[in-house]
């Protein structure tokens, strides 16, 4: 069954947990879709995982469309959310609408994701009015690394918690269909999730969120520099891939490949 805004909302209502992973290409999207994952985020994290940048800031709208289009082609049932990259929605509502519209029309996205809270209310309302589902993102905001100075847990003070709750209620009222909560104490994730009727998707925000999203490369062990505390490695594909490629190179060097079965 195709995952939609309606089915995801029903999962929240029925107490069913929602699974989401990042993805950036057609072949991997097919595997995720076949595994029954509810949602894919074509994240601007591709700037680091696919392009080798130190953060997400250099990623462009054109790149998100190319990667997003590739992912959408691989999905039959999984709901695909495309990230709006840095400065693609901050300049004006008109420019944001144009860029979000491209994500839907050209990439085939089912929804877009924006970083921010109450300050995005006019934009969220406009996008939803035009038929574009929106998933805001609260807590740790990677696109604001320059002003934050570091990646840090949010919601440690009463003032921060109240601000997060206020922002969450504001974006829900503006028409957001779901909300990402990144790197906040589990109790804060619980309070926000309980306060809303829309699904919360946590990343480092505890078990009480209505769903979880993780970076695919962390889950599969393909990004080996470090494993974030909020992630769990379900495979060591980085090590296995390296071993397989070394075996291939050795076979080529010593003449073991190609064999008769590989020749015409």
Foldseek 3Di string as FASTA:
>chain_A
DAQALVVQLVLLVVLHAAEEEEFFAQVVLLVCQVVPHAAYEVDLCCCCVVVNDPASQVDDLVSQLVRLLRNVNNHDHHAYEYEQHPPQPPPDLVSVLVSLVCSCVRSVHNAYEEEDFLVCLVSLLVNVVVPHAYEYEDFFDRSCCVVVVDGAAFDPDPVRLVVVLVRLVSSVVSPHQEYEYERYDQVSQQVSSVVDSHFYEYQNRHDNGRYYYDYPCLQCCVPPPDRDPSYDHPHNVNVVVVVVVVVVVVCVVVVVPPDPVVDD
